[in-house]
Amino acid sequence: MSSSAFVFDRLAYVDRLREAGVDEKEARAHAEALDVALRDGVAAKSDIDRLETKIKSDMDRLESKIETSAANLKVEILRWMVVTQLAVGGLLFAALRFTR
């Protein structure tokens, strides 16, 4: 993710650690690690906008697939209903014909 407008004052952080008794080398290492973590862990608006666009595109594609699947299922159900009705009609016709 890109860096954002968030600003981390490494020098002030090092100074606070030094005041708390942390030696200079450790304080600088902590400041560097925290700076990297904050920069890499914060999403920029452009990152969020790009992800939002991708999610909307994926949702539109999935909605289209669902609509196509629903239409195909309706056709399949209708086909089975017609075949079943024809089979039942044929059986009734045969039963009536043989009972006479």
Protein backbone atom coordinates (compact mmCIF):
# COMPACT_ATOMS: atom_id res chain seq x y z
CA MET A 1 0.00 0.00 0.00
CA SER A 2 1.15 3.52 -0.64
CA SER A 3 2.26 5.86 2.05
CA SER A 4 -0.37 8.31 3.16
CA ALA A 5 -0.37 11.85 4.52
CA PHE A 6 0.30 10.47 8.01
CA VAL A 7 3.54 11.93 9.44
CA PHE A 8 5.54 10.21 12.16
CA ASP A 9 8.11 12.36 13.95
CA ARG A 10 10.95 9.92 14.41
CA LEU A 11 13.20 12.43 16.15
CA ALA A 12 10.58 13.27 18.79
CA TYR A 13 9.97 9.55 19.30
CA VAL A 14 13.70 8.91 19.76
CA ASP A 15 13.90 11.83 22.21
CA ARG A 16 11.03 10.42 24.29
CA LEU A 17 12.64 6.99 24.38
CA ARG A 18 15.97 8.55 25.38
CA GLU A 19 14.22 10.46 28.19
CA ALA A 20 12.76 7.14 29.38
CA GLY A 21 16.24 5.64 29.64
CA VAL A 22 16.53 3.78 26.33
CA ASP A 23 19.98 4.07 24.78
CA GLU A 24 20.40 5.98 21.50
CA LYS A 25 21.00 2.93 19.26
CA GLU A 26 17.91 1.08 20.53
CA ALA A 27 15.77 4.22 20.39
CA ARG A 28 16.72 4.81 16.74
CA ALA A 29 16.03 1.15 15.89
CA HIS A 30 12.60 1.33 17.53
CA ALA A 31 11.81 4.59 15.72
CA GLU A 32 12.82 3.11 12.36
CA ALA A 33 10.75 -0.04 12.92
CA LEU A 34 7.70 1.93 14.02
CA ASP A 35 8.03 4.32 11.07
CA VAL A 36 8.12 1.42 8.61
CA ALA A 37 5.18 -0.30 10.30
CA LEU A 38 3.08 2.86 10.23
CA ARG A 39 3.88 3.63 6.59
CA ASP A 40 3.21 0.09 5.39
CA GLY A 41 0.15 -0.46 7.56
CA VAL A 42 -1.84 2.65 6.62
CA ALA A 43 -3.82 2.63 3.39
CA ALA A 44 -3.87 5.75 1.25
CA LYS A 45 -7.13 7.05 -0.21
CA SER A 46 -5.96 6.01 -3.68
CA ASP A 47 -5.43 2.44 -2.42
CA ILE A 48 -8.94 2.35 -0.98
CA ASP A 49 -10.46 3.88 -4.13
CA ARG A 50 -8.69 1.31 -6.32
CA LEU A 51 -9.91 -1.57 -4.15
CA GLU A 52 -13.44 -0.16 -4.08
CA THR A 53 -13.48 0.01 -7.89
CA LYS A 54 -12.23 -3.58 -8.15
CA ILE A 55 -14.80 -4.83 -5.64
CA LYS A 56 -17.63 -3.06 -7.50
CA SER A 57 -16.44 -4.59 -10.77
CA ASP A 58 -16.28 -8.06 -9.20
CA MET A 59 -19.76 -7.63 -7.72
CA ASP A 60 -21.19 -6.55 -11.10
CA ARG A 61 -19.58 -9.58 -12.76
CA LEU A 62 -20.95 -11.93 -10.10
CA GLU A 63 -24.41 -10.37 -10.34
CA SER A 64 -24.37 -10.99 -14.09
CA LYS A 65 -23.34 -14.63 -13.54
CA ILE A 66 -26.11 -15.11 -10.98
CA GLU A 67 -28.72 -13.64 -13.32
CA THR A 68 -27.53 -15.91 -16.15
CA SER A 69 -27.62 -18.96 -13.87
CA ALA A 70 -31.12 -18.07 -12.66
CA ALA A 71 -32.37 -17.73 -16.24
CA ASN A 72 -30.81 -21.08 -17.17
CA LEU A 73 -32.43 -22.74 -14.16
CA LYS A 74 -35.84 -21.32 -15.11
CA VAL A 75 -35.48 -22.79 -18.61
CA GLU A 76 -34.40 -26.15 -17.18
CA ILE A 77 -37.34 -26.23 -14.74
CA LEU A 78 -39.78 -25.33 -17.53
CA ARG A 79 -38.33 -28.07 -19.73
CA TRP A 80 -38.75 -30.67 -16.97
CA MET A 81 -42.30 -29.50 -16.30
CA VAL A 82 -43.24 -29.87 -19.99
CA VAL A 83 -41.59 -33.29 -20.26
CA THR A 84 -43.32 -34.44 -17.06
CA GLN A 85 -46.70 -33.18 -18.27
CA LEU A 86 -46.25 -34.93 -21.61
CA ALA A 87 -45.23 -38.16 -19.87
CA VAL A 88 -48.22 -38.01 -17.51
CA GLY A 89 -50.52 -37.20 -20.43
CA GLY A 90 -49.10 -40.12 -22.40
CA LEU A 91 -49.56 -42.49 -19.48
CA LEU A 92 -53.15 -41.32 -18.96
CA PHE A 93 -53.87 -41.70 -22.67
CA ALA A 94 -52.39 -45.22 -22.68
CA ALA A 95 -54.27 -46.18 -19.51
CA LEU A 96 -57.57 -44.95 -20.93
CA ARG A 97 -56.97 -46.68 -24.23
CA PHE A 98 -56.16 -50.05 -22.65
CA THR A 99 -59.07 -49.91 -20.21
CA ARG A 100 -61.67 -49.73 -23.00
